[in-house]
Amino acid sequence: MQVVNFAPRKRLTPEQSRDAALAAAQALLVEHGPQAVTLKAVSARIGRTHANLLHHFGSAEGLQTALIARLASGIVGTIGDAVVRARAGDQDPREVVDLTFDAFGKGGAGALASWMILSGNEDALDPILTAIHDLVDELAVGQPEGQMPIHEQTLQLVLLALGDALLGGPMARALGLPRDKARALALEALLAGRAA
């Protein structure tokens, strides 16, 4: 008879367990889309029990809300830094556009936000909306005179990035336009708003 020795699972602090679950959820989101972000899939990926995730998040909606909050924190921090550098002349404004489009597209935030809205979980978007609102209010303080208000620039940029994440590829193909045309239009709009 063969004896199988199982290594004991590493004991994680509650914060480490929660972080591991959110990292796994984000990876599943990017790899397979928002429908793959389930408690069962995340628990399987990190080698924890379904009950462990229920303890940390309460439900699949709780997991998705925590994930959108994590995404929001990263998105807003990165974009905020890029805006400050662009204002100082240290960075091309295109970086702000690219970071926003990548966050909603490659980062999965657009797909997750849409999934949550369509499943009736709009309240779960509060963390990302609050984070964007707070960033825009902070950036508005140092906005140069004569530019389109940053609140309007942000609305325009986020809606273009979200639309591109969801329908950009098929729409560009249908219209015979390059795949990155929405990014180019967003950059033109951002530059025009700064020159206004």
N, C-alpha and C. Protein backbone atom coordinates (compact mmCIF):
# COMPACT_ATOMS: atom_id res chain seq x y z
N MET A 1 0.85 -1.18 0.00
CA MET A 1 0.00 0.00 0.00
C MET A 1 0.89 1.24 0.00
N GLN A 2 0.56 2.16 -0.89
CA GLN A 2 1.35 3.38 -1.01
C GLN A 2 0.83 4.43 -0.04
N VAL A 3 1.74 5.06 0.68
CA VAL A 3 1.36 6.12 1.61
C VAL A 3 1.60 7.45 0.93
N VAL A 4 0.57 8.27 0.95
CA VAL A 4 0.67 9.59 0.34
C VAL A 4 0.76 10.62 1.45
N ASN A 5 1.79 11.42 1.39
CA ASN A 5 1.95 12.49 2.37
C ASN A 5 1.50 13.80 1.75
N PHE A 6 0.58 14.43 2.39
CA PHE A 6 0.12 15.73 1.93
C PHE A 6 0.79 16.80 2.77
N ALA A 7 1.32 17.78 2.09
CA ALA A 7 1.91 18.90 2.82
C ALA A 7 0.78 19.73 3.41
N PRO A 8 0.92 20.14 4.63
CA PRO A 8 -0.14 20.96 5.22
C PRO A 8 -0.24 22.30 4.49
N ARG A 9 -1.47 22.77 4.39
CA ARG A 9 -1.66 24.07 3.75
C ARG A 9 -1.04 25.16 4.60
N LYS A 10 -0.45 26.10 3.93
CA LYS A 10 0.16 27.22 4.63
C LYS A 10 -0.93 28.06 5.28
N ARG A 11 -0.76 28.38 6.50
CA ARG A 11 -1.73 29.20 7.23
C ARG A 11 -1.52 30.66 6.83
N LEU A 12 -2.58 31.29 6.41
CA LEU A 12 -2.53 32.68 5.99
C LEU A 12 -3.27 33.56 6.98
N THR A 13 -2.81 34.78 7.13
CA THR A 13 -3.57 35.74 7.93
C THR A 13 -4.86 36.06 7.16
N PRO A 14 -5.85 36.61 7.82
CA PRO A 14 -7.08 36.99 7.10
C PRO A 14 -6.79 37.94 5.93
N GLU A 15 -5.87 38.87 6.12
CA GLU A 15 -5.53 39.82 5.06
C GLU A 15 -4.86 39.11 3.88
N GLN A 16 -3.96 38.17 4.18
CA GLN A 16 -3.29 37.42 3.12
C GLN A 16 -4.29 36.55 2.36
N SER A 17 -5.20 35.94 3.07
CA SER A 17 -6.21 35.09 2.44
C SER A 17 -7.11 35.94 1.53
N ARG A 18 -7.51 37.07 2.02
CA ARG A 18 -8.36 37.97 1.24
C ARG A 18 -7.61 38.48 0.00
N ASP A 19 -6.35 38.88 0.18
CA ASP A 19 -5.54 39.35 -0.96
C ASP A 19 -5.33 38.26 -2.00
N ALA A 20 -5.08 37.04 -1.53
CA ALA A 20 -4.90 35.92 -2.46
C ALA A 20 -6.18 35.67 -3.25
N ALA A 21 -7.31 35.75 -2.59
CA ALA A 21 -8.59 35.55 -3.26
C ALA A 21 -8.85 36.65 -4.30
N LEU A 22 -8.54 37.87 -3.96
CA LEU A 22 -8.76 38.98 -4.90
C LEU A 22 -7.80 38.89 -6.09
N ALA A 23 -6.57 38.48 -5.84
CA ALA A 23 -5.61 38.30 -6.95
C ALA A 23 -6.09 37.19 -7.88
N ALA A 24 -6.59 36.11 -7.30
CA ALA A 24 -7.12 35.01 -8.12
C ALA A 24 -8.36 35.46 -8.88
N ALA A 25 -9.23 36.21 -8.24
CA ALA A 25 -10.43 36.71 -8.91
C ALA A 25 -10.07 37.62 -10.08
N GLN A 26 -9.07 38.46 -9.89
CA GLN A 26 -8.64 39.35 -10.97
C GLN A 26 -8.05 38.55 -12.13
N ALA A 27 -7.27 37.53 -11.82
CA ALA A 27 -6.70 36.69 -12.87
C ALA A 27 -7.81 35.97 -13.64
N LEU A 28 -8.80 35.44 -12.94
CA LEU A 28 -9.93 34.78 -13.60
C LEU A 28 -10.70 35.77 -14.48
N LEU A 29 -10.87 36.99 -13.99
CA LEU A 29 -11.56 38.02 -14.76
C LEU A 29 -10.86 38.28 -16.08
N VAL A 30 -9.55 38.48 -16.03
CA VAL A 30 -8.77 38.78 -17.23
C VAL A 30 -8.73 37.58 -18.17
N GLU A 31 -8.56 36.39 -17.61
CA GLU A 31 -8.42 35.18 -18.43
C GLU A 31 -9.73 34.70 -19.06
N HIS A 32 -10.82 34.78 -18.29
CA HIS A 32 -12.06 34.13 -18.73
C HIS A 32 -13.30 35.02 -18.69
N GLY A 33 -13.18 36.25 -18.23
CA GLY A 33 -14.33 37.15 -18.19
C GLY A 33 -15.03 37.13 -16.84
N PRO A 34 -15.95 38.07 -16.65
CA PRO A 34 -16.59 38.24 -15.34
C PRO A 34 -17.42 37.04 -14.88
N GLN A 35 -17.98 36.28 -15.82
CA GLN A 35 -18.78 35.12 -15.43
C GLN A 35 -17.94 34.06 -14.74
N ALA A 36 -16.63 34.11 -14.89
CA ALA A 36 -15.74 33.13 -14.27
C ALA A 36 -15.39 33.49 -12.82
N VAL A 37 -15.73 34.69 -12.40
CA VAL A 37 -15.39 35.14 -11.05
C VAL A 37 -16.46 34.64 -10.08
N THR A 38 -16.33 33.39 -9.69
CA THR A 38 -17.25 32.77 -8.74
C THR A 38 -16.47 32.35 -7.50
N LEU A 39 -17.19 32.17 -6.41
CA LEU A 39 -16.54 31.72 -5.18
C LEU A 39 -15.89 30.36 -5.39
N LYS A 40 -16.56 29.48 -6.10
CA LYS A 40 -16.04 28.14 -6.35
C LYS A 40 -14.73 28.20 -7.15
N ALA A 41 -14.72 28.99 -8.22
CA ALA A 41 -13.52 29.07 -9.06
C ALA A 41 -12.36 29.71 -8.30
N VAL A 42 -12.65 30.75 -7.55
CA VAL A 42 -11.58 31.43 -6.80
C VAL A 42 -11.05 30.51 -5.71
N SER A 43 -11.93 29.84 -4.99
CA SER A 43 -11.46 28.94 -3.92
C SER A 43 -10.61 27.80 -4.49
N ALA A 44 -11.00 27.29 -5.65
CA ALA A 44 -10.21 26.23 -6.29
C ALA A 44 -8.83 26.74 -6.70
N ARG A 45 -8.79 27.97 -7.19
CA ARG A 45 -7.52 28.52 -7.67
C ARG A 45 -6.53 28.74 -6.52
N ILE A 46 -7.02 29.11 -5.35
CA ILE A 46 -6.10 29.41 -4.25
C ILE A 46 -6.01 28.29 -3.23
N GLY A 47 -6.73 27.19 -3.47
CA GLY A 47 -6.64 26.05 -2.56
C GLY A 47 -7.30 26.30 -1.21
N ARG A 48 -8.35 27.07 -1.21
CA ARG A 48 -9.11 27.34 0.02
C ARG A 48 -10.52 26.81 -0.16
N THR A 49 -11.27 26.80 0.91
CA THR A 49 -12.63 26.28 0.84
C THR A 49 -13.61 27.39 0.45
N HIS A 50 -14.72 26.94 -0.06
CA HIS A 50 -15.82 27.84 -0.38
C HIS A 50 -16.24 28.61 0.88
N ALA A 51 -16.29 27.89 1.99
CA ALA A 51 -16.68 28.50 3.27
C ALA A 51 -15.70 29.60 3.68
N ASN A 52 -14.41 29.40 3.39
CA ASN A 52 -13.41 30.41 3.72
C ASN A 52 -13.71 31.71 2.97
N LEU A 53 -14.05 31.59 1.68
CA LEU A 53 -14.36 32.80 0.91
C LEU A 53 -15.67 33.44 1.36
N LEU A 54 -16.65 32.61 1.72
CA LEU A 54 -17.90 33.17 2.26
C LEU A 54 -17.62 33.98 3.52
N HIS A 55 -16.69 33.47 4.34
CA HIS A 55 -16.32 34.19 5.56
C HIS A 55 -15.76 35.58 5.24
N HIS A 56 -14.93 35.66 4.20
CA HIS A 56 -14.27 36.93 3.86
C HIS A 56 -15.17 37.88 3.07
N PHE A 57 -16.03 37.34 2.20
CA PHE A 57 -16.77 38.21 1.27
C PHE A 57 -18.29 38.13 1.42
N GLY A 58 -18.79 37.10 2.08
CA GLY A 58 -20.22 37.00 2.30
C GLY A 58 -21.01 36.38 1.15
N SER A 59 -20.60 36.67 -0.08
CA SER A 59 -21.32 36.17 -1.25
C SER A 59 -20.47 36.43 -2.49
N ALA A 60 -20.94 35.92 -3.62
CA ALA A 60 -20.25 36.21 -4.89
C ALA A 60 -20.31 37.70 -5.18
N GLU A 61 -21.43 38.34 -4.87
CA GLU A 61 -21.54 39.79 -5.06
C GLU A 61 -20.54 40.53 -4.19
N GLY A 62 -20.34 40.05 -2.97
CA GLY A 62 -19.35 40.66 -2.08
C GLY A 62 -17.94 40.53 -2.64
N LEU A 63 -17.65 39.38 -3.22
CA LEU A 63 -16.34 39.18 -3.87
C LEU A 63 -16.18 40.14 -5.04
N GLN A 64 -17.21 40.26 -5.87
CA GLN A 64 -17.14 41.16 -7.02
C GLN A 64 -17.00 42.61 -6.58
N THR A 65 -17.69 42.99 -5.52
CA THR A 65 -17.58 44.36 -5.00
C THR A 65 -16.17 44.63 -4.50
N ALA A 66 -15.60 43.66 -3.78
CA ALA A 66 -14.22 43.83 -3.30
C ALA A 66 -13.24 43.88 -4.47
N LEU A 67 -13.51 43.09 -5.50
CA LEU A 67 -12.64 43.11 -6.68
C LEU A 67 -12.71 44.45 -7.39
N ILE A 68 -13.91 44.99 -7.57
CA ILE A 68 -14.04 46.28 -8.25
C ILE A 68 -13.37 47.37 -7.42
N ALA A 69 -13.44 47.27 -6.09
CA ALA A 69 -12.75 48.25 -5.23
C ALA A 69 -11.24 48.15 -5.41
N ARG A 70 -10.74 46.92 -5.50
CA ARG A 70 -9.29 46.72 -5.72
C ARG A 70 -8.88 47.28 -7.07
N LEU A 71 -9.66 46.99 -8.11
CA LEU A 71 -9.36 47.52 -9.44
C LEU A 71 -9.40 49.05 -9.43
N ALA A 72 -10.40 49.60 -8.77
CA ALA A 72 -10.56 51.05 -8.72
C ALA A 72 -9.35 51.71 -8.08
N SER A 73 -8.88 51.14 -7.00
CA SER A 73 -7.73 51.71 -6.31
C SER A 73 -6.51 51.75 -7.22
N GLY A 74 -6.26 50.67 -7.91
CA GLY A 74 -5.11 50.61 -8.83
C GLY A 74 -5.27 51.55 -10.01
N ILE A 75 -6.47 51.56 -10.60
CA ILE A 75 -6.73 52.40 -11.76
C ILE A 75 -6.57 53.87 -11.41
N VAL A 76 -7.22 54.28 -10.36
CA VAL A 76 -7.23 55.70 -9.98
C VAL A 76 -5.84 56.17 -9.58
N GLY A 77 -5.12 55.34 -8.84
CA GLY A 77 -3.76 55.73 -8.45
C GLY A 77 -2.84 55.91 -9.65
N THR A 78 -2.90 54.96 -10.58
CA THR A 78 -2.05 55.00 -11.77
C THR A 78 -2.41 56.18 -12.67
N ILE A 79 -3.69 56.35 -12.92
CA ILE A 79 -4.13 57.43 -13.80
C ILE A 79 -3.88 58.79 -13.15
N GLY A 80 -4.13 58.89 -11.86
CA GLY A 80 -3.87 60.16 -11.16
C GLY A 80 -2.42 60.58 -11.26
N ASP A 81 -1.51 59.64 -11.07
CA ASP A 81 -0.08 59.94 -11.21
C ASP A 81 0.26 60.39 -12.63
N ALA A 82 -0.34 59.73 -13.63
CA ALA A 82 -0.09 60.08 -15.02
C ALA A 82 -0.60 61.47 -15.35
N VAL A 83 -1.78 61.83 -14.81
CA VAL A 83 -2.33 63.17 -15.06
C VAL A 83 -1.41 64.23 -14.46
N VAL A 84 -0.94 64.00 -13.25
CA VAL A 84 -0.04 64.97 -12.60
C VAL A 84 1.24 65.12 -13.41
N ARG A 85 1.81 64.01 -13.90
CA ARG A 85 3.02 64.09 -14.71
C ARG A 85 2.74 64.80 -16.04
N ALA A 86 1.60 64.54 -16.64
CA ALA A 86 1.26 65.18 -17.91
C ALA A 86 1.10 66.69 -17.73
N ARG A 87 0.49 67.09 -16.63
CA ARG A 87 0.32 68.52 -16.35
C ARG A 87 1.67 69.21 -16.15
N ALA A 88 2.60 68.49 -15.56
CA ALA A 88 3.92 69.05 -15.31
C ALA A 88 4.79 69.03 -16.56
N GLY A 89 4.26 68.43 -17.63
CA GLY A 89 5.01 68.35 -18.88
C GLY A 89 5.99 67.19 -18.92
N ASP A 90 5.93 66.34 -17.91
CA ASP A 90 6.86 65.20 -17.85
C ASP A 90 6.36 63.98 -18.61
N GLN A 91 5.13 64.02 -19.08
CA GLN A 91 4.56 62.84 -19.71
C GLN A 91 3.62 63.26 -20.83
N ASP A 92 3.54 62.43 -21.83
CA ASP A 92 2.63 62.62 -22.94
C ASP A 92 1.20 62.36 -22.46
N PRO A 93 0.24 63.21 -22.79
CA PRO A 93 -1.16 62.96 -22.39
C PRO A 93 -1.70 61.63 -22.91
N ARG A 94 -1.06 61.10 -23.95
CA ARG A 94 -1.50 59.80 -24.48
C ARG A 94 -1.40 58.71 -23.40
N GLU A 95 -0.45 58.87 -22.46
CA GLU A 95 -0.32 57.88 -21.39
C GLU A 95 -1.61 57.80 -20.58
N VAL A 96 -2.24 58.94 -20.32
CA VAL A 96 -3.49 58.95 -19.56
C VAL A 96 -4.56 58.18 -20.33
N VAL A 97 -4.64 58.41 -21.63
CA VAL A 97 -5.62 57.70 -22.47
C VAL A 97 -5.32 56.21 -22.47
N ASP A 98 -4.06 55.85 -22.70
CA ASP A 98 -3.70 54.43 -22.77
C ASP A 98 -3.97 53.72 -21.43
N LEU A 99 -3.62 54.35 -20.33
CA LEU A 99 -3.85 53.74 -19.03
C LEU A 99 -5.34 53.53 -18.78
N THR A 100 -6.15 54.50 -19.15
CA THR A 100 -7.59 54.39 -18.95
C THR A 100 -8.17 53.29 -19.82
N PHE A 101 -7.81 53.27 -21.09
CA PHE A 101 -8.31 52.23 -22.01
C PHE A 101 -7.84 50.85 -21.57
N ASP A 102 -6.57 50.73 -21.15
CA ASP A 102 -6.05 49.44 -20.71
C ASP A 102 -6.73 48.96 -19.44
N ALA A 103 -7.02 49.87 -18.52
CA ALA A 103 -7.68 49.48 -17.27
C ALA A 103 -9.06 48.90 -17.55
N PHE A 104 -9.80 49.53 -18.43
CA PHE A 104 -11.14 49.04 -18.73
C PHE A 104 -11.12 47.86 -19.69
N GLY A 105 -10.12 47.78 -20.55
CA GLY A 105 -10.04 46.69 -21.52
C GLY A 105 -9.24 45.53 -21.00
N LYS A 106 -7.92 45.64 -21.06
CA LYS A 106 -7.04 44.54 -20.66
C LYS A 106 -7.17 44.19 -19.18
N GLY A 107 -7.41 45.19 -18.35
CA GLY A 107 -7.53 44.95 -16.90
C GLY A 107 -8.85 44.35 -16.49
N GLY A 108 -9.84 44.36 -17.38
CA GLY A 108 -11.12 43.71 -17.11
C GLY A 108 -12.15 44.55 -16.39
N ALA A 109 -11.83 45.79 -16.02
CA ALA A 109 -12.77 46.61 -15.26
C ALA A 109 -14.04 46.90 -16.06
N GLY A 110 -13.92 47.09 -17.36
CA GLY A 110 -15.09 47.36 -18.18
C GLY A 110 -16.04 46.19 -18.22
N ALA A 111 -15.51 45.00 -18.42
CA ALA A 111 -16.34 43.79 -18.47
C ALA A 111 -17.00 43.53 -17.12
N LEU A 112 -16.24 43.69 -16.03
CA LEU A 112 -16.80 43.44 -14.71
C LEU A 112 -17.88 44.47 -14.38
N ALA A 113 -17.63 45.73 -14.68
CA ALA A 113 -18.63 46.77 -14.41
C ALA A 113 -19.91 46.49 -15.19
N SER A 114 -19.79 46.14 -16.45
CA SER A 114 -20.96 45.84 -17.27
C SER A 114 -21.71 44.63 -16.74
N TRP A 115 -20.97 43.59 -16.38
CA TRP A 115 -21.57 42.37 -15.83
C TRP A 115 -22.38 42.71 -14.57
N MET A 116 -21.80 43.54 -13.72
CA MET A 116 -22.46 43.89 -12.46
C MET A 116 -23.74 44.70 -12.74
N ILE A 117 -23.68 45.61 -13.67
CA ILE A 117 -24.86 46.41 -14.02
C ILE A 117 -25.95 45.50 -14.59
N LEU A 118 -25.58 44.64 -15.51
CA LEU A 118 -26.56 43.76 -16.16
C LEU A 118 -27.15 42.74 -15.20
N SER A 119 -26.42 42.38 -14.16
CA SER A 119 -26.94 41.42 -13.18
C SER A 119 -27.67 42.13 -12.04
N GLY A 120 -27.85 43.44 -12.16
CA GLY A 120 -28.60 44.19 -11.16
C GLY A 120 -27.80 44.58 -9.93
N ASN A 121 -26.50 44.49 -9.99
CA ASN A 121 -25.65 44.79 -8.84
C ASN A 121 -24.95 46.14 -9.02
N GLU A 122 -25.72 47.15 -9.40
CA GLU A 122 -25.15 48.48 -9.67
C GLU A 122 -24.49 49.11 -8.44
N ASP A 123 -25.02 48.83 -7.26
CA ASP A 123 -24.44 49.41 -6.04
C ASP A 123 -22.99 48.99 -5.84
N ALA A 124 -22.64 47.84 -6.40
CA ALA A 124 -21.27 47.35 -6.27
C ALA A 124 -20.27 48.24 -7.00
N LEU A 125 -20.75 49.08 -7.90
CA LEU A 125 -19.86 49.98 -8.63
C LEU A 125 -19.47 51.21 -7.80
N ASP A 126 -20.11 51.38 -6.65
CA ASP A 126 -19.82 52.55 -5.82
C ASP A 126 -18.34 52.75 -5.54
N PRO A 127 -17.56 51.69 -5.25
CA PRO A 127 -16.13 51.94 -4.99
C PRO A 127 -15.40 52.58 -6.16
N ILE A 128 -15.68 52.13 -7.38
CA ILE A 128 -14.97 52.71 -8.53
C ILE A 128 -15.49 54.11 -8.82
N LEU A 129 -16.79 54.32 -8.69
CA LEU A 129 -17.34 55.65 -8.94
C LEU A 129 -16.86 56.66 -7.90
N THR A 130 -16.81 56.23 -6.66
CA THR A 130 -16.32 57.11 -5.60
C THR A 130 -14.85 57.42 -5.79
N ALA A 131 -14.05 56.41 -6.14
CA ALA A 131 -12.62 56.64 -6.35
C ALA A 131 -12.38 57.61 -7.50
N ILE A 132 -13.11 57.43 -8.60
CA ILE A 132 -12.96 58.35 -9.73
C ILE A 132 -13.41 59.76 -9.33
N HIS A 133 -14.53 59.87 -8.63
CA HIS A 133 -15.03 61.17 -8.19
C HIS A 133 -14.00 61.88 -7.31
N ASP A 134 -13.45 61.15 -6.35
CA ASP A 134 -12.46 61.75 -5.45
C ASP A 134 -11.21 62.20 -6.19
N LEU A 135 -10.75 61.38 -7.15
CA LEU A 135 -9.58 61.75 -7.94
C LEU A 135 -9.86 63.01 -8.76
N VAL A 136 -11.01 63.05 -9.40
CA VAL A 136 -11.35 64.20 -10.24
C VAL A 136 -11.48 65.46 -9.40
N ASP A 137 -12.09 65.37 -8.24
CA ASP A 137 -12.17 66.54 -7.36
C ASP A 137 -10.79 67.02 -6.95
N GLU A 138 -9.89 66.07 -6.66
CA GLU A 138 -8.52 66.42 -6.28
C GLU A 138 -7.79 67.10 -7.44
N LEU A 139 -7.94 66.55 -8.65
CA LEU A 139 -7.25 67.10 -9.82
C LEU A 139 -7.85 68.44 -10.26
N ALA A 140 -9.13 68.65 -9.98
CA ALA A 140 -9.79 69.90 -10.39
C ALA A 140 -9.18 71.10 -9.67
N VAL A 141 -8.64 70.88 -8.49
CA VAL A 141 -8.04 71.97 -7.71
C VAL A 141 -6.89 72.61 -8.47
N GLY A 142 -6.08 71.82 -9.13
CA GLY A 142 -4.92 72.36 -9.83
C GLY A 142 -5.12 72.52 -11.33
N GLN A 143 -6.37 72.45 -11.79
CA GLN A 143 -6.61 72.53 -13.23
C GLN A 143 -6.36 73.95 -13.74
N PRO A 144 -5.58 74.05 -14.80
CA PRO A 144 -5.32 75.37 -15.39
C PRO A 144 -6.61 76.02 -15.91
N GLU A 145 -6.63 77.34 -15.88
CA GLU A 145 -7.79 78.11 -16.37
C GLU A 145 -7.98 77.88 -17.87
N GLY A 146 -9.22 77.96 -18.30
CA GLY A 146 -9.52 77.93 -19.73
C GLY A 146 -9.67 76.54 -20.32
N GLN A 147 -9.47 75.50 -19.55
CA GLN A 147 -9.63 74.14 -20.07
C GLN A 147 -11.06 73.65 -19.84
N MET A 148 -11.45 72.66 -20.65
CA MET A 148 -12.72 72.00 -20.40
C MET A 148 -12.66 71.45 -18.97
N PRO A 149 -13.73 71.60 -18.20
CA PRO A 149 -13.70 71.09 -16.82
C PRO A 149 -13.29 69.62 -16.78
N ILE A 150 -12.45 69.29 -15.81
CA ILE A 150 -11.91 67.93 -15.73
C ILE A 150 -13.01 66.90 -15.52
N HIS A 151 -14.12 67.30 -14.89
CA HIS A 151 -15.23 66.37 -14.72
C HIS A 151 -15.77 65.95 -16.09
N GLU A 152 -15.86 66.89 -17.02
CA GLU A 152 -16.35 66.59 -18.37
C GLU A 152 -15.32 65.78 -19.15
N GLN A 153 -14.05 66.12 -19.01
CA GLN A 153 -13.00 65.35 -19.67
C GLN A 153 -13.01 63.90 -19.18
N THR A 154 -13.20 63.71 -17.88
CA THR A 154 -13.21 62.37 -17.30
C THR A 154 -14.40 61.57 -17.80
N LEU A 155 -15.57 62.19 -17.82
CA LEU A 155 -16.75 61.50 -18.32
C LEU A 155 -16.54 61.02 -19.75
N GLN A 156 -16.04 61.91 -20.57
CA GLN A 156 -15.79 61.59 -21.98
C GLN A 156 -14.78 60.44 -22.11
N LEU A 157 -13.67 60.52 -21.40
CA LEU A 157 -12.62 59.53 -21.50
C LEU A 157 -13.08 58.16 -20.97
N VAL A 158 -13.73 58.15 -19.81
CA VAL A 158 -14.17 56.88 -19.22
C VAL A 158 -15.23 56.21 -20.09
N LEU A 159 -16.18 56.98 -20.60
CA LEU A 159 -17.21 56.38 -21.45
C LEU A 159 -16.63 55.84 -22.75
N LEU A 160 -15.67 56.56 -23.33
CA LEU A 160 -15.01 56.04 -24.53
C LEU A 160 -14.23 54.76 -24.22
N ALA A 161 -13.52 54.74 -23.11
CA ALA A 161 -12.74 53.56 -22.73
C ALA A 161 -13.64 52.37 -22.43
N LEU A 162 -14.74 52.61 -21.73
CA LEU A 162 -15.68 51.55 -21.41
C LEU A 162 -16.33 51.01 -22.68
N GLY A 163 -16.78 51.90 -23.55
CA GLY A 163 -17.38 51.47 -24.81
C GLY A 163 -16.39 50.69 -25.66
N ASP A 164 -15.16 51.14 -25.69
CA ASP A 164 -14.14 50.45 -26.46
C ASP A 164 -13.87 49.06 -25.90
N ALA A 165 -13.85 48.95 -24.57
CA ALA A 165 -13.61 47.65 -23.94
C ALA A 165 -14.70 46.65 -24.30
N LEU A 166 -15.92 47.13 -24.43
CA LEU A 166 -17.05 46.23 -24.67
C LEU A 166 -17.31 45.96 -26.14
N LEU A 167 -17.14 46.99 -26.99
CA LEU A 167 -17.57 46.86 -28.38
C LEU A 167 -16.58 47.43 -29.38
N GLY A 168 -15.44 47.90 -28.91
CA GLY A 168 -14.49 48.59 -29.77
C GLY A 168 -13.99 47.79 -30.95
N GLY A 169 -13.57 46.55 -30.71
CA GLY A 169 -13.04 45.72 -31.80
C GLY A 169 -14.07 45.46 -32.88
N PRO A 170 -15.23 44.90 -32.53
CA PRO A 170 -16.24 44.63 -33.56
C PRO A 170 -16.73 45.88 -34.27
N MET A 171 -16.89 46.99 -33.54
CA MET A 171 -17.38 48.22 -34.16
C MET A 171 -16.35 48.78 -35.13
N ALA A 172 -15.07 48.78 -34.74
CA ALA A 172 -14.02 49.28 -35.64
C ALA A 172 -13.98 48.44 -36.91
N ARG A 173 -14.06 47.11 -36.76
CA ARG A 173 -14.07 46.23 -37.95
C ARG A 173 -15.28 46.53 -38.84
N ALA A 174 -16.45 46.69 -38.22
CA ALA A 174 -17.67 46.93 -38.99
C ALA A 174 -17.59 48.24 -39.77
N LEU A 175 -16.89 49.22 -39.22
CA LEU A 175 -16.78 50.53 -39.87
C LEU A 175 -15.52 50.66 -40.73
N GLY A 176 -14.71 49.61 -40.75
CA GLY A 176 -13.48 49.64 -41.54
C GLY A 176 -12.43 50.59 -40.98
N LEU A 177 -12.43 50.75 -39.67
CA LEU A 177 -11.48 51.65 -39.01
C LEU A 177 -10.41 50.85 -38.29
N PRO A 178 -9.25 51.46 -38.04
CA PRO A 178 -8.21 50.77 -37.26
C PRO A 178 -8.72 50.47 -35.85
N ARG A 179 -8.23 49.39 -35.27
CA ARG A 179 -8.70 48.97 -33.94
C ARG A 179 -8.46 50.03 -32.88
N ASP A 180 -7.41 50.82 -33.01
CA ASP A 180 -7.09 51.82 -31.98
C ASP A 180 -7.71 53.19 -32.27
N LYS A 181 -8.67 53.27 -33.17
CA LYS A 181 -9.26 54.55 -33.54
C LYS A 181 -9.93 55.24 -32.34
N ALA A 182 -10.61 54.47 -31.47
CA ALA A 182 -11.26 55.08 -30.31
C ALA A 182 -10.23 55.75 -29.39
N ARG A 183 -9.07 55.13 -29.25
CA ARG A 183 -8.00 55.74 -28.44
C ARG A 183 -7.55 57.06 -29.07
N ALA A 184 -7.39 57.05 -30.40
CA ALA A 184 -6.97 58.26 -31.10
C ALA A 184 -8.01 59.36 -30.92
N LEU A 185 -9.29 59.01 -31.01
CA LEU A 185 -10.36 59.99 -30.81
C LEU A 185 -10.36 60.52 -29.37
N ALA A 186 -10.12 59.63 -28.43
CA ALA A 186 -10.06 60.05 -27.02
C ALA A 186 -8.90 61.00 -26.78
N LEU A 187 -7.76 60.74 -27.40
CA LEU A 187 -6.61 61.62 -27.25
C LEU A 187 -6.91 62.99 -27.87
N GLU A 188 -7.50 62.98 -29.07
CA GLU A 188 -7.88 64.26 -29.71
C GLU A 188 -8.82 65.06 -28.82
N ALA A 189 -9.80 64.39 -28.23
CA ALA A 189 -10.75 65.06 -27.35
C ALA A 189 -10.06 65.61 -26.10
N LEU A 190 -9.15 64.83 -25.54
CA LEU A 190 -8.43 65.27 -24.35
C LEU A 190 -7.57 66.49 -24.66
N LEU A 191 -6.87 66.47 -25.78
CA LEU A 191 -6.03 67.60 -26.17
C LEU A 191 -6.87 68.82 -26.49
N ALA A 192 -8.02 68.60 -27.14
CA ALA A 192 -8.92 69.73 -27.45
C ALA A 192 -9.48 70.33 -26.17
N GLY A 193 -9.81 69.49 -25.21
CA GLY A 193 -10.32 69.98 -23.94
C GLY A 193 -9.30 70.80 -23.18
N ARG A 194 -8.05 70.44 -23.32
CA ARG A 194 -6.99 71.20 -22.66
C ARG A 194 -6.74 72.53 -23.33
N ALA A 195 -6.98 72.56 -24.64
CA ALA A 195 -6.74 73.79 -25.38
C ALA A 195 -7.94 74.73 -25.36
N ALA A 196 -9.09 74.22 -24.91
CA ALA A 196 -10.33 75.02 -24.94
C ALA A 196 -10.20 76.29 -24.12
